[in-house]
Amino acid sequence: MSDTRSTSAALRSELEDFYAHYAEAIDQKRPNDWLSFFTDEGVNAAGTHNNISTTGMWWYVDRGLVDLRERAAYTNGYHWHNPAKTLHVITNIRGHERDDAVIEASAYFVMFVADRSQESQLHVCGRYEDMLVRQGGRLVFQEHRVVIDAETVPQNMGVLL
């Protein structure tokens, strides 16, 4: 989010709850539930800050329910073969509602990973740049863009961000 508008307390609370449930679905390895956080036409994209800001290129862009289901299926397969635990921390949440009822939101995230033989280690960090709408009485992503800090490029992209 590029502007400096303040986030109302009610919207901040709503966004904090949304991101907490989003992180929980990922960390509890429920990629099929992850799908419910998107509209049917939703976009999910990830890339590094350096790549996006200099070339405009994203590592991947999933557009619509078919692509999002494919991402969830890939993640299901990854979880089956890699029992690592993940822990997301999401903070510095900001947002504002536009006149067209779209909510522009941003947040910082940190993701830690641990397998059975290791302590938790930093896996990746960055920020979310999102467009959300209310659907069925709850927030969902219209666009979820993950901008990864280039210094923490993950060794694998098998996990959801």
C-alpha atoms as a PDB file:
ATOM      1  CA  MET A   1       0.000   0.000   0.000  1.00  0.00           C
ATOM      2  CA  SER A   2       1.661   3.190  -1.110  1.00  0.00           C
ATOM      3  CA  ASP A   3      -0.335   5.839   0.731  1.00  0.00           C
ATOM      4  CA  THR A   4      -0.226   6.930   4.342  1.00  0.00           C
ATOM      5  CA  ARG A   5      -3.928   6.807   5.201  1.00  0.00           C
ATOM      6  CA  SER A   6      -4.617   5.461   8.662  1.00  0.00           C
ATOM      7  CA  THR A   7      -6.487   2.210   9.118  1.00  0.00           C
ATOM      8  CA  SER A   8      -9.678   2.354  11.194  1.00  0.00           C
ATOM      9  CA  ALA A   9      -9.704   0.229  14.335  1.00  0.00           C
ATOM     10  CA  ALA A  10     -12.619  -1.850  13.010  1.00  0.00           C
ATOM     11  CA  LEU A  11     -10.909  -2.583   9.690  1.00  0.00           C
ATOM     12  CA  ARG A  12      -7.586  -3.330  11.394  1.00  0.00           C
ATOM     13  CA  SER A  13      -9.328  -5.847  13.669  1.00  0.00           C
ATOM     14  CA  GLU A  14     -11.087  -7.447  10.716  1.00  0.00           C
ATOM     15  CA  LEU A  15      -7.808  -7.699   8.774  1.00  0.00           C
ATOM     16  CA  GLU A  16      -5.907  -9.103  11.774  1.00  0.00           C
ATOM     17  CA  ASP A  17      -8.544 -11.815  12.179  1.00  0.00           C
ATOM     18  CA  PHE A  18      -8.461 -12.583   8.448  1.00  0.00           C
ATOM     19  CA  TYR A  19      -4.664 -12.892   8.311  1.00  0.00           C
ATOM     20  CA  ALA A  20      -4.605 -14.996  11.503  1.00  0.00           C
ATOM     21  CA  HIS A  21      -7.020 -17.509   9.965  1.00  0.00           C
ATOM     22  CA  TYR A  22      -5.103 -17.431   6.686  1.00  0.00           C
ATOM     23  CA  ALA A  23      -1.801 -18.232   8.420  1.00  0.00           C
ATOM     24  CA  GLU A  24      -3.460 -20.939  10.505  1.00  0.00           C
ATOM     25  CA  ALA A  25      -4.779 -22.725   7.406  1.00  0.00           C
ATOM     26  CA  ILE A  26      -1.283 -22.758   5.924  1.00  0.00           C
ATOM     27  CA  ASP A  27       0.545 -23.726   9.109  1.00  0.00           C
ATOM     28  CA  GLN A  28      -1.928 -26.531   9.821  1.00  0.00           C
ATOM     29  CA  LYS A  29      -1.305 -27.866   6.300  1.00  0.00           C
ATOM     30  CA  ARG A  30      -4.825 -27.318   4.996  1.00  0.00           C
ATOM     31  CA  PRO A  31      -4.201 -26.181   1.407  1.00  0.00           C
ATOM     32  CA  ASN A  32      -7.752 -27.103   0.392  1.00  0.00           C
ATOM     33  CA  ASP A  33      -9.025 -24.641   3.025  1.00  0.00           C
ATOM     34  CA  TRP A  34      -6.481 -22.121   1.687  1.00  0.00           C
ATOM     35  CA  LEU A  35      -8.577 -22.017  -1.507  1.00  0.00           C
ATOM     36  CA  SER A  36     -11.527 -20.588   0.423  1.00  0.00           C
ATOM     37  CA  PHE A  37      -9.529 -17.402   1.059  1.00  0.00           C
ATOM     38  CA  PHE A  38      -9.827 -16.414  -2.626  1.00  0.00           C
ATOM     39  CA  THR A  39     -12.605 -15.337  -4.957  1.00  0.00           C
ATOM     40  CA  ASP A  40     -13.183 -17.707  -7.889  1.00  0.00           C
ATOM     41  CA  GLU A  41     -11.283 -15.215 -10.078  1.00  0.00           C
ATOM     42  CA  GLY A  42      -8.621 -14.596  -7.415  1.00  0.00           C
ATOM     43  CA  VAL A  43      -4.958 -13.986  -8.148  1.00  0.00           C
ATOM     44  CA  ASN A  44      -2.073 -15.391  -6.110  1.00  0.00           C
ATOM     45  CA  ALA A  45       1.429 -14.243  -7.053  1.00  0.00           C
ATOM     46  CA  ALA A  46       4.915 -14.368  -5.553  1.00  0.00           C
ATOM     47  CA  GLY A  47       8.224 -12.801  -6.452  1.00  0.00           C
ATOM     48  CA  THR A  48      11.186 -10.988  -4.977  1.00  0.00           C
ATOM     49  CA  HIS A  49      11.212  -7.268  -4.348  1.00  0.00           C
ATOM     50  CA  ASN A  50      14.246  -6.853  -6.603  1.00  0.00           C
ATOM     51  CA  ASN A  51      12.705  -8.758  -9.504  1.00  0.00           C
ATOM     52  CA  ILE A  52       9.337  -7.037  -9.260  1.00  0.00           C
ATOM     53  CA  SER A  53      10.723  -3.523  -8.863  1.00  0.00           C
ATOM     54  CA  THR A  54      13.334  -3.774 -11.648  1.00  0.00           C
ATOM     55  CA  THR A  55      11.739  -6.064 -14.255  1.00  0.00           C
ATOM     56  CA  GLY A  56       8.106  -6.368 -13.180  1.00  0.00           C
ATOM     57  CA  MET A  57       8.492 -10.166 -13.241  1.00  0.00           C
ATOM     58  CA  TRP A  58       6.848 -12.502 -10.723  1.00  0.00           C
ATOM     59  CA  TRP A  59       8.018 -16.070 -10.000  1.00  0.00           C
ATOM     60  CA  TYR A  60       4.500 -17.305 -10.437  1.00  0.00           C
ATOM     61  CA  VAL A  61       1.017 -15.914 -10.930  1.00  0.00           C
ATOM     62  CA  ASP A  62      -2.011 -18.141 -10.306  1.00  0.00           C
ATOM     63  CA  ARG A  63      -5.160 -16.688 -11.881  1.00  0.00           C
ATOM     64  CA  GLY A  64      -8.553 -18.133 -11.085  1.00  0.00           C
ATOM     65  CA  LEU A  65      -9.859 -21.222  -9.379  1.00  0.00           C
ATOM     66  CA  VAL A  66      -8.187 -23.751 -11.719  1.00  0.00           C
ATOM     67  CA  ASP A  67      -4.699 -22.317 -11.089  1.00  0.00           C
ATOM     68  CA  LEU A  68      -5.361 -21.944  -7.360  1.00  0.00           C
ATOM     69  CA  ARG A  69      -6.506 -25.576  -7.128  1.00  0.00           C
ATOM     70  CA  GLU A  70      -3.342 -26.629  -8.932  1.00  0.00           C
ATOM     71  CA  ARG A  71      -1.234 -24.691  -6.386  1.00  0.00           C
ATOM     72  CA  ALA A  72      -3.128 -26.393  -3.517  1.00  0.00           C
ATOM     73  CA  ALA A  73      -2.644 -29.837  -5.112  1.00  0.00           C
ATOM     74  CA  TYR A  74       1.078 -29.197  -5.540  1.00  0.00           C
ATOM     75  CA  THR A  75       1.319 -28.151  -1.892  1.00  0.00           C
ATOM     76  CA  ASN A  76      -0.616 -31.258  -0.785  1.00  0.00           C
ATOM     77  CA  GLY A  77       1.969 -33.397  -2.581  1.00  0.00           C
ATOM     78  CA  TYR A  78       4.816 -31.455  -1.019  1.00  0.00           C
ATOM     79  CA  HIS A  79       3.375 -31.945   2.490  1.00  0.00           C
ATOM     80  CA  TRP A  80       3.018 -35.668   1.864  1.00  0.00           C
ATOM     81  CA  HIS A  81       6.755 -36.002   1.194  1.00  0.00           C
ATOM     82  CA  ASN A  82       8.081 -33.315   3.525  1.00  0.00           C
ATOM     83  CA  PRO A  83       6.760 -33.296   7.109  1.00  0.00           C
ATOM     84  CA  ALA A  84       8.258 -29.877   7.937  1.00  0.00           C
ATOM     85  CA  LYS A  85       6.280 -27.592  10.230  1.00  0.00           C
ATOM     86  CA  THR A  86       5.716 -23.962   9.322  1.00  0.00           C
ATOM     87  CA  LEU A  87       4.912 -20.961  11.453  1.00  0.00           C
ATOM     88  CA  HIS A  88       3.776 -17.666   9.974  1.00  0.00           C
ATOM     89  CA  VAL A  89       3.953 -14.381  11.829  1.00  0.00           C
ATOM     90  CA  ILE A  90       2.020 -11.545  10.212  1.00  0.00           C
ATOM     91  CA  THR A  91       2.341  -7.983  11.483  1.00  0.00           C
ATOM     92  CA  ASN A  92       2.245  -4.277  10.525  1.00  0.00           C
ATOM     93  CA  ILE A  93      -1.202  -4.774   9.023  1.00  0.00           C
ATOM     94  CA  ARG A  94      -2.659  -1.746   7.295  1.00  0.00           C
ATOM     95  CA  GLY A  95      -5.610  -1.231   5.006  1.00  0.00           C
ATOM     96  CA  HIS A  96      -8.231   1.076   3.663  1.00  0.00           C
ATOM     97  CA  GLU A  97     -11.509   0.570   1.860  1.00  0.00           C
ATOM     98  CA  ARG A  98     -11.823   2.214  -1.533  1.00  0.00           C
ATOM     99  CA  ASP A  99     -15.036   3.726  -2.857  1.00  0.00           C
ATOM    100  CA  ASP A 100     -15.635   0.551  -4.931  1.00  0.00           C
ATOM    101  CA  ALA A 101     -15.660  -1.587  -1.716  1.00  0.00           C
ATOM    102  CA  VAL A 102     -12.253  -3.118  -2.493  1.00  0.00           C
ATOM    103  CA  ILE A 103      -9.944  -3.152   0.513  1.00  0.00           C
ATOM    104  CA  GLU A 104      -6.296  -2.463  -0.194  1.00  0.00           C
ATOM    105  CA  ALA A 105      -4.238  -4.112   2.529  1.00  0.00           C
ATOM    106  CA  SER A 106      -0.591  -4.690   3.278  1.00  0.00           C
ATOM    107  CA  ALA A 107       1.257  -6.612   5.963  1.00  0.00           C
ATOM    108  CA  TYR A 108       4.716  -7.923   6.754  1.00  0.00           C
ATOM    109  CA  PHE A 109       5.178 -11.666   7.134  1.00  0.00           C
ATOM    110  CA  VAL A 110       7.876 -13.956   8.460  1.00  0.00           C
ATOM    111  CA  MET A 111       7.761 -17.703   7.961  1.00  0.00           C
ATOM    112  CA  PHE A 112       9.767 -20.165  10.007  1.00  0.00           C
ATOM    113  CA  VAL A 113      10.229 -23.818   9.096  1.00  0.00           C
ATOM    114  CA  ALA A 114      11.346 -26.849  11.126  1.00  0.00           C
ATOM    115  CA  ASP A 115      11.573 -30.515  10.316  1.00  0.00           C
ATOM    116  CA  ARG A 116      11.724 -33.298  12.895  1.00  0.00           C
ATOM    117  CA  SER A 117      15.469 -32.991  13.434  1.00  0.00           C
ATOM    118  CA  GLN A 118      15.940 -29.217  13.510  1.00  0.00           C
ATOM    119  CA  GLU A 119      14.973 -26.171  15.462  1.00  0.00           C
ATOM    120  CA  SER A 120      12.817 -23.581  13.746  1.00  0.00           C
ATOM    121  CA  GLN A 121      14.715 -21.538  11.194  1.00  0.00           C
ATOM    122  CA  LEU A 122      13.860 -18.493   9.151  1.00  0.00           C
ATOM    123  CA  HIS A 123      12.495 -19.688   5.803  1.00  0.00           C
ATOM    124  CA  VAL A 124      11.350 -16.468   4.171  1.00  0.00           C
ATOM    125  CA  CYS A 125      10.099 -12.984   4.951  1.00  0.00           C
ATOM    126  CA  GLY A 126       8.551 -10.151   3.026  1.00  0.00           C
ATOM    127  CA  ARG A 127       5.278  -8.349   2.657  1.00  0.00           C
ATOM    128  CA  TYR A 128       1.781  -8.984   1.399  1.00  0.00           C
ATOM    129  CA  GLU A 129       0.212  -6.487  -1.003  1.00  0.00           C
ATOM    130  CA  ASP A 130      -3.436  -7.464  -1.213  1.00  0.00           C
ATOM    131  CA  MET A 131      -6.795  -6.489  -2.625  1.00  0.00           C
ATOM    132  CA  LEU A 132      -9.685  -7.981  -0.663  1.00  0.00           C
ATOM    133  CA  VAL A 133     -13.452  -7.949  -1.011  1.00  0.00           C
ATOM    134  CA  ARG A 134     -16.275  -9.051   1.239  1.00  0.00           C
ATOM    135  CA  GLN A 135     -17.989 -12.173  -0.009  1.00  0.00           C
ATOM    136  CA  GLY A 136     -20.567 -14.140   1.975  1.00  0.00           C
ATOM    137  CA  GLY A 137     -19.979 -11.880   4.976  1.00  0.00           C
ATOM    138  CA  ARG A 138     -16.212 -12.407   5.139  1.00  0.00           C
ATOM    139  CA  LEU A 139     -13.035 -11.102   3.554  1.00  0.00           C
ATOM    140  CA  VAL A 140     -11.445 -12.949   0.633  1.00  0.00           C
ATOM    141  CA  PHE A 141      -8.504 -12.190  -1.623  1.00  0.00           C
ATOM    142  CA  GLN A 142      -9.214 -10.694  -4.985  1.00  0.00           C
ATOM    143  CA  GLU A 143      -5.442 -10.416  -5.365  1.00  0.00           C
ATOM    144  CA  HIS A 144      -2.768 -11.760  -3.000  1.00  0.00           C
ATOM    145  CA  ARG A 145       0.725 -10.650  -3.957  1.00  0.00           C
ATOM    146  CA  VAL A 146       3.668 -11.930  -1.915  1.00  0.00           C
ATOM    147  CA  VAL A 147       6.756  -9.738  -2.233  1.00  0.00           C
ATOM    148  CA  ILE A 148       9.703 -11.677  -0.849  1.00  0.00           C
ATOM    149  CA  ASP A 149      12.755 -10.013   0.639  1.00  0.00           C
ATOM    150  CA  ALA A 150      15.511 -11.020  -1.772  1.00  0.00           C
ATOM    151  CA  GLU A 151      17.852 -11.815   1.117  1.00  0.00           C
ATOM    152  CA  THR A 152      15.536 -14.632   2.272  1.00  0.00           C
ATOM    153  CA  VAL A 153      14.710 -16.416  -0.968  1.00  0.00           C
ATOM    154  CA  PRO A 154      13.380 -19.811   0.176  1.00  0.00           C
ATOM    155  CA  GLN A 155      15.173 -23.007  -0.779  1.00  0.00           C
ATOM    156  CA  ASN A 156      11.891 -24.427  -2.002  1.00  0.00           C
ATOM    157  CA  MET A 157       8.545 -23.057  -3.033  1.00  0.00           C
ATOM    158  CA  GLY A 158       6.542 -26.086  -1.923  1.00  0.00           C
ATOM    159  CA  VAL A 159       4.878 -24.207   0.903  1.00  0.00           C
ATOM    160  CA  LEU A 160       2.134 -21.623   0.640  1.00  0.00           C
ATOM    161  CA  LEU A 161       3.086 -18.077   1.519  1.00  0.00           C
END
